[in-house]
């Protein structure tokens, strides 16, 4: 079974490739996604839709892992996220501007699967 950090890194790698299927392959059946700066927690289908919209709106988006700590079923990752807003996003028109921000991801990993992803970031920077 993959370690907690390997599970989180696999998800982040799949996110960088905009591969929704590979991202979902490390989700537990009851996964919850919570963007603290935005809408309330989502289920598996909600996560897929949110990331599909992100990838369509920011087709060049990428997450660079700056720090990653794991233990006790938890992973904390400090990410530098960049992307250019080329299409409407969450009801707002495209800005054609590049975003460059820091995101903190907290993953709860149980039996090699992600049960919860919590994201902290400044939504005004997007």
N, C-alpha and C. Protein backbone atom coordinates (compact mmCIF):
# COMPACT_ATOMS: atom_id res chain seq x y z
N UNK A 1 0.85 -1.18 0.00
CA UNK A 1 0.00 0.00 0.00
C UNK A 1 0.89 1.25 0.00
N UNK A 2 0.48 2.24 -0.75
CA UNK A 2 1.23 3.48 -0.86
C UNK A 2 1.20 4.25 0.46
N UNK A 3 2.29 4.96 0.74
CA UNK A 3 2.34 5.79 1.94
C UNK A 3 1.43 7.01 1.77
N UNK A 4 1.17 7.69 2.86
CA UNK A 4 0.32 8.89 2.83
C UNK A 4 0.89 9.92 1.86
N UNK A 5 2.20 10.16 1.94
CA UNK A 5 2.80 11.17 1.07
C UNK A 5 2.75 10.72 -0.40
N UNK A 6 2.92 9.43 -0.67
CA UNK A 6 2.83 8.93 -2.06
C UNK A 6 1.42 9.13 -2.61
N UNK A 7 0.41 8.92 -1.79
CA UNK A 7 -0.98 9.12 -2.23
C UNK A 7 -1.21 10.59 -2.58
N UNK A 8 -0.77 11.49 -1.70
CA UNK A 8 -0.95 12.93 -1.96
C UNK A 8 -0.17 13.36 -3.20
N UNK A 9 1.05 12.88 -3.34
CA UNK A 9 1.86 13.24 -4.52
C UNK A 9 1.24 12.68 -5.81
N UNK A 10 0.67 11.49 -5.74
CA UNK A 10 0.01 10.91 -6.92
C UNK A 10 -1.17 11.78 -7.34
N UNK A 11 -1.94 12.26 -6.37
CA UNK A 11 -3.07 13.13 -6.67
C UNK A 11 -2.60 14.45 -7.27
N UNK A 12 -1.56 15.04 -6.69
CA UNK A 12 -1.03 16.31 -7.20
C UNK A 12 -0.45 16.15 -8.60
N UNK A 13 0.22 15.04 -8.86
CA UNK A 13 0.75 14.77 -10.19
C UNK A 13 -0.39 14.63 -11.21
N UNK A 14 -1.44 13.90 -10.83
CA UNK A 14 -2.60 13.75 -11.71
C UNK A 14 -3.26 15.11 -11.95
N UNK A 15 -3.31 15.95 -10.91
CA UNK A 15 -3.88 17.29 -11.06
C UNK A 15 -3.06 18.10 -12.07
N UNK A 16 -1.74 18.00 -11.99
CA UNK A 16 -0.89 18.74 -12.94
C UNK A 16 -1.09 18.26 -14.37
N UNK A 17 -1.50 17.02 -14.54
CA UNK A 17 -1.77 16.49 -15.87
C UNK A 17 -3.24 16.66 -16.27
N UNK A 18 -4.01 17.30 -15.38
CA UNK A 18 -5.45 17.53 -15.60
C UNK A 18 -6.17 16.21 -15.87
N UNK A 19 -5.79 15.19 -15.14
CA UNK A 19 -6.32 13.85 -15.32
C UNK A 19 -7.32 13.53 -14.21
N UNK A 20 -8.57 13.85 -14.47
CA UNK A 20 -9.63 13.65 -13.47
C UNK A 20 -9.78 12.19 -13.06
N UNK A 21 -9.61 11.29 -14.00
CA UNK A 21 -9.75 9.86 -13.70
C UNK A 21 -8.66 9.40 -12.73
N UNK A 22 -7.43 9.81 -12.97
CA UNK A 22 -6.33 9.43 -12.06
C UNK A 22 -6.49 10.10 -10.70
N UNK A 23 -6.99 11.34 -10.68
CA UNK A 23 -7.25 12.00 -9.39
C UNK A 23 -8.25 11.17 -8.60
N UNK A 24 -9.33 10.77 -9.26
CA UNK A 24 -10.40 10.01 -8.60
C UNK A 24 -9.92 8.62 -8.17
N UNK A 25 -8.89 8.10 -8.80
CA UNK A 25 -8.42 6.75 -8.46
C UNK A 25 -7.86 6.67 -7.05
N UNK A 26 -7.50 7.80 -6.45
CA UNK A 26 -6.99 7.77 -5.08
C UNK A 26 -8.01 8.30 -4.07
N UNK A 27 -9.26 8.52 -4.52
CA UNK A 27 -10.32 8.94 -3.61
C UNK A 27 -10.94 7.72 -2.92
N UNK A 28 -11.23 7.89 -1.65
CA UNK A 28 -12.07 6.91 -0.96
C UNK A 28 -13.49 7.10 -1.47
N UNK A 29 -14.34 6.08 -1.36
CA UNK A 29 -15.73 6.21 -1.86
C UNK A 29 -16.48 7.40 -1.25
N UNK A 30 -16.16 7.74 -0.03
CA UNK A 30 -16.87 8.82 0.67
C UNK A 30 -16.06 10.11 0.73
N UNK A 31 -15.17 10.34 -0.23
CA UNK A 31 -14.30 11.50 -0.20
C UNK A 31 -15.09 12.80 -0.07
N UNK A 32 -14.49 13.75 0.65
CA UNK A 32 -15.06 15.09 0.81
C UNK A 32 -13.98 16.09 0.43
N UNK A 33 -14.36 17.09 -0.35
CA UNK A 33 -13.46 18.18 -0.70
C UNK A 33 -13.99 19.46 -0.12
N UNK A 34 -13.14 20.21 0.56
CA UNK A 34 -13.58 21.44 1.21
C UNK A 34 -12.62 22.57 0.87
N UNK A 35 -13.09 23.50 0.05
CA UNK A 35 -12.33 24.71 -0.23
C UNK A 35 -12.80 25.75 0.77
N UNK A 36 -11.95 26.06 1.73
CA UNK A 36 -12.37 26.94 2.82
C UNK A 36 -12.74 28.33 2.29
N UNK A 37 -12.10 28.76 1.20
CA UNK A 37 -12.37 30.09 0.64
C UNK A 37 -13.61 30.13 -0.25
N UNK A 38 -14.21 28.98 -0.52
CA UNK A 38 -15.30 28.94 -1.49
C UNK A 38 -16.48 28.11 -0.99
N UNK A 39 -17.18 27.44 -1.91
CA UNK A 39 -18.39 26.70 -1.52
C UNK A 39 -18.10 25.62 -0.48
N UNK A 40 -19.15 25.15 0.17
CA UNK A 40 -18.96 24.12 1.20
C UNK A 40 -18.46 22.80 0.61
N UNK A 41 -18.18 21.86 1.48
CA UNK A 41 -17.61 20.57 1.09
C UNK A 41 -18.40 19.91 -0.04
N UNK A 42 -17.65 19.19 -0.87
CA UNK A 42 -18.22 18.49 -2.03
C UNK A 42 -17.96 17.00 -1.89
N UNK A 43 -18.79 16.24 -2.58
CA UNK A 43 -18.58 14.79 -2.66
C UNK A 43 -17.74 14.49 -3.90
N UNK A 44 -17.62 13.20 -4.23
CA UNK A 44 -16.80 12.77 -5.38
C UNK A 44 -17.21 13.48 -6.68
N UNK A 45 -18.51 13.49 -6.97
CA UNK A 45 -18.99 14.14 -8.21
C UNK A 45 -18.73 15.63 -8.18
N UNK A 46 -18.92 16.24 -7.03
CA UNK A 46 -18.66 17.67 -6.89
C UNK A 46 -17.20 18.02 -7.07
N UNK A 47 -16.31 17.17 -6.56
CA UNK A 47 -14.88 17.39 -6.76
C UNK A 47 -14.52 17.31 -8.24
N UNK A 48 -15.06 16.31 -8.91
CA UNK A 48 -14.76 16.16 -10.34
C UNK A 48 -15.23 17.39 -11.12
N UNK A 49 -16.42 17.85 -10.84
CA UNK A 49 -16.95 19.02 -11.54
C UNK A 49 -16.12 20.27 -11.24
N UNK A 50 -15.73 20.46 -9.98
CA UNK A 50 -14.94 21.64 -9.60
C UNK A 50 -13.60 21.64 -10.33
N UNK A 51 -12.92 20.49 -10.38
CA UNK A 51 -11.62 20.44 -11.06
C UNK A 51 -11.77 20.48 -12.57
N UNK A 52 -12.84 19.96 -13.12
CA UNK A 52 -13.08 20.07 -14.56
C UNK A 52 -13.20 21.57 -14.93
N UNK A 53 -13.98 22.30 -14.15
CA UNK A 53 -14.14 23.74 -14.40
C UNK A 53 -12.79 24.46 -14.26
N UNK A 54 -12.02 24.10 -13.24
CA UNK A 54 -10.71 24.72 -13.04
C UNK A 54 -9.81 24.49 -14.25
N UNK A 55 -9.74 23.25 -14.72
CA UNK A 55 -8.86 22.92 -15.85
C UNK A 55 -9.32 23.59 -17.14
N UNK A 56 -10.64 23.75 -17.33
CA UNK A 56 -11.14 24.44 -18.52
C UNK A 56 -10.86 25.95 -18.44
N UNK A 57 -10.98 26.51 -17.25
CA UNK A 57 -10.81 27.95 -17.07
C UNK A 57 -9.34 28.37 -17.02
N UNK A 58 -8.50 27.50 -16.49
CA UNK A 58 -7.06 27.75 -16.37
C UNK A 58 -6.32 26.59 -17.05
N UNK A 59 -6.33 26.54 -18.39
CA UNK A 59 -5.79 25.36 -19.08
C UNK A 59 -4.30 25.10 -18.86
N UNK A 60 -3.58 26.09 -18.37
CA UNK A 60 -2.14 25.89 -18.12
C UNK A 60 -1.84 25.79 -16.62
N UNK A 61 -2.85 25.57 -15.80
CA UNK A 61 -2.62 25.57 -14.35
C UNK A 61 -1.70 24.43 -13.93
N UNK A 62 -0.92 24.73 -12.89
CA UNK A 62 0.08 23.77 -12.41
C UNK A 62 0.32 24.01 -10.93
N UNK A 63 0.55 22.93 -10.20
CA UNK A 63 0.84 22.99 -8.77
C UNK A 63 2.27 22.52 -8.53
N UNK A 64 3.07 23.37 -7.94
CA UNK A 64 4.44 23.03 -7.59
C UNK A 64 4.49 22.75 -6.09
N UNK A 65 4.96 21.60 -5.70
CA UNK A 65 5.06 21.25 -4.28
C UNK A 65 6.28 21.95 -3.68
N UNK A 66 6.03 22.82 -2.71
CA UNK A 66 7.11 23.51 -2.02
C UNK A 66 7.52 22.77 -0.75
N UNK A 67 6.55 22.25 -0.04
CA UNK A 67 6.79 21.48 1.18
C UNK A 67 5.69 20.44 1.30
N UNK A 68 6.05 19.30 1.86
CA UNK A 68 5.06 18.25 2.09
C UNK A 68 5.45 17.49 3.35
N UNK A 69 4.51 17.38 4.26
CA UNK A 69 4.73 16.69 5.53
C UNK A 69 3.64 15.66 5.71
N UNK A 70 4.00 14.47 6.20
CA UNK A 70 3.01 13.41 6.36
C UNK A 70 3.24 12.65 7.66
N UNK A 71 2.13 12.13 8.20
CA UNK A 71 2.18 11.28 9.38
C UNK A 71 0.82 11.18 10.03
N UNK A 72 0.57 10.05 10.64
CA UNK A 72 -0.68 9.87 11.37
C UNK A 72 -1.93 9.97 10.51
N UNK A 73 -1.81 9.56 9.24
CA UNK A 73 -2.97 9.59 8.36
C UNK A 73 -3.27 10.96 7.76
N UNK A 74 -2.35 11.90 7.95
CA UNK A 74 -2.55 13.26 7.44
C UNK A 74 -1.36 13.67 6.57
N UNK A 75 -1.64 14.50 5.58
CA UNK A 75 -0.59 15.09 4.76
C UNK A 75 -0.87 16.58 4.66
N UNK A 76 0.15 17.39 4.86
CA UNK A 76 0.05 18.83 4.66
C UNK A 76 1.00 19.18 3.52
N UNK A 77 0.49 19.88 2.53
CA UNK A 77 1.30 20.26 1.38
C UNK A 77 1.18 21.75 1.13
N UNK A 78 2.33 22.40 1.02
CA UNK A 78 2.38 23.81 0.63
C UNK A 78 2.65 23.84 -0.86
N UNK A 79 1.75 24.49 -1.60
CA UNK A 79 1.78 24.48 -3.06
C UNK A 79 1.91 25.89 -3.60
N UNK A 80 2.69 26.04 -4.65
CA UNK A 80 2.67 27.26 -5.46
C UNK A 80 1.85 26.92 -6.69
N UNK A 81 0.71 27.57 -6.82
CA UNK A 81 -0.22 27.29 -7.91
C UNK A 81 -0.17 28.44 -8.90
N UNK A 82 -0.01 28.11 -10.18
CA UNK A 82 -0.01 29.13 -11.24
C UNK A 82 -0.97 28.70 -12.34
N UNK A 83 -1.53 29.69 -13.01
CA UNK A 83 -2.41 29.41 -14.13
C UNK A 83 -2.95 30.71 -14.72
N UNK A 84 -3.32 30.65 -15.99
CA UNK A 84 -3.85 31.81 -16.70
C UNK A 84 -5.34 31.61 -16.93
N UNK A 85 -6.15 32.57 -16.50
CA UNK A 85 -7.61 32.49 -16.60
C UNK A 85 -8.07 32.86 -18.01
N UNK A 86 -8.27 31.83 -18.85
CA UNK A 86 -8.63 32.06 -20.25
C UNK A 86 -10.11 31.85 -20.56
N UNK A 87 -10.87 31.31 -19.60
CA UNK A 87 -12.30 31.08 -19.80
C UNK A 87 -13.03 31.47 -18.51
N UNK A 88 -14.35 31.68 -18.59
CA UNK A 88 -15.10 32.03 -17.37
C UNK A 88 -14.86 31.01 -16.26
N UNK A 89 -14.87 31.53 -15.03
CA UNK A 89 -14.62 30.69 -13.86
C UNK A 89 -15.56 31.09 -12.73
N UNK A 90 -16.35 30.12 -12.28
CA UNK A 90 -17.29 30.32 -11.17
C UNK A 90 -18.15 31.57 -11.35
N UNK A 91 -18.69 31.69 -12.56
CA UNK A 91 -19.62 32.78 -12.84
C UNK A 91 -18.97 34.11 -13.19
N UNK A 92 -17.66 34.16 -13.20
CA UNK A 92 -16.95 35.39 -13.53
C UNK A 92 -16.32 35.27 -14.91
N UNK A 93 -16.28 36.37 -15.66
CA UNK A 93 -15.67 36.30 -17.00
C UNK A 93 -14.16 36.06 -16.91
N UNK A 94 -13.61 35.55 -17.98
CA UNK A 94 -12.17 35.33 -18.05
C UNK A 94 -11.44 36.66 -17.92
N UNK A 95 -10.32 36.64 -17.21
CA UNK A 95 -9.52 37.86 -17.04
C UNK A 95 -8.32 37.89 -17.98
N UNK A 96 -7.95 36.73 -18.52
CA UNK A 96 -6.74 36.58 -19.33
C UNK A 96 -5.49 36.95 -18.54
N UNK A 97 -5.58 36.92 -17.21
CA UNK A 97 -4.45 37.23 -16.35
C UNK A 97 -3.91 35.95 -15.72
N UNK A 98 -2.65 36.01 -15.38
CA UNK A 98 -1.98 34.89 -14.74
C UNK A 98 -2.11 35.02 -13.23
N UNK A 99 -2.45 33.91 -12.59
CA UNK A 99 -2.50 33.85 -11.13
C UNK A 99 -1.27 33.11 -10.64
N UNK A 100 -0.76 33.55 -9.51
CA UNK A 100 0.39 32.91 -8.88
C UNK A 100 0.14 33.03 -7.38
N UNK A 101 -0.25 31.91 -6.76
CA UNK A 101 -0.60 31.98 -5.35
C UNK A 101 -0.15 30.74 -4.61
N UNK A 102 -0.19 30.84 -3.30
CA UNK A 102 0.12 29.72 -2.43
C UNK A 102 -1.18 29.07 -1.96
N UNK A 103 -1.17 27.75 -1.91
CA UNK A 103 -2.31 26.98 -1.42
C UNK A 103 -1.79 25.98 -0.40
N UNK A 104 -2.51 25.83 0.69
CA UNK A 104 -2.22 24.77 1.65
C UNK A 104 -3.27 23.70 1.48
N UNK A 105 -2.83 22.49 1.19
CA UNK A 105 -3.72 21.33 1.08
C UNK A 105 -3.50 20.47 2.32
N UNK A 106 -4.60 20.04 2.92
CA UNK A 106 -4.56 19.05 3.99
C UNK A 106 -5.32 17.83 3.51
N UNK A 107 -4.65 16.70 3.51
CA UNK A 107 -5.24 15.44 3.06
C UNK A 107 -5.42 14.52 4.26
N UNK A 108 -6.57 13.88 4.35
CA UNK A 108 -6.77 12.78 5.30
C UNK A 108 -6.72 11.51 4.46
N UNK A 109 -5.76 10.64 4.77
CA UNK A 109 -5.55 9.42 4.00
C UNK A 109 -5.79 8.21 4.89
N UNK A 110 -6.67 7.32 4.45
CA UNK A 110 -6.98 6.10 5.18
C UNK A 110 -6.88 4.92 4.22
N UNK A 111 -6.11 3.92 4.59
CA UNK A 111 -5.94 2.71 3.78
C UNK A 111 -5.55 3.03 2.33
N UNK A 112 -4.65 4.01 2.18
CA UNK A 112 -4.14 4.34 0.85
C UNK A 112 -5.08 5.15 -0.03
N UNK A 113 -6.16 5.69 0.54
CA UNK A 113 -7.12 6.49 -0.23
C UNK A 113 -7.39 7.82 0.48
N UNK A 114 -7.67 8.85 -0.29
CA UNK A 114 -7.96 10.17 0.27
C UNK A 114 -9.42 10.23 0.69
N UNK A 115 -9.63 10.47 1.98
CA UNK A 115 -11.00 10.63 2.49
C UNK A 115 -11.43 12.09 2.55
N UNK A 116 -10.46 13.00 2.70
CA UNK A 116 -10.81 14.41 2.77
C UNK A 116 -9.65 15.24 2.24
N UNK A 117 -10.02 16.27 1.46
CA UNK A 117 -9.06 17.26 0.99
C UNK A 117 -9.60 18.61 1.46
N UNK A 118 -8.79 19.34 2.20
CA UNK A 118 -9.16 20.69 2.62
C UNK A 118 -8.14 21.64 2.01
N UNK A 119 -8.63 22.70 1.35
CA UNK A 119 -7.77 23.69 0.70
C UNK A 119 -7.93 25.03 1.38
N UNK A 120 -6.80 25.66 1.67
CA UNK A 120 -6.78 27.03 2.19
C UNK A 120 -6.03 27.90 1.21
N UNK A 121 -6.67 28.98 0.77
CA UNK A 121 -6.01 29.94 -0.12
C UNK A 121 -6.81 31.24 -0.12
N UNK A 122 -6.19 32.27 -0.65
CA UNK A 122 -6.85 33.57 -0.76
C UNK A 122 -7.57 33.61 -2.10
N UNK A 123 -8.88 33.46 -2.09
CA UNK A 123 -9.63 33.40 -3.35
C UNK A 123 -9.57 34.69 -4.13
N UNK A 124 -9.29 35.81 -3.48
CA UNK A 124 -9.16 37.09 -4.20
C UNK A 124 -7.95 37.08 -5.12
N UNK A 125 -6.93 36.26 -4.82
CA UNK A 125 -5.76 36.21 -5.70
C UNK A 125 -5.99 35.43 -6.96
N UNK A 126 -7.07 34.62 -7.00
CA UNK A 126 -7.36 33.87 -8.21
C UNK A 126 -7.96 34.81 -9.22
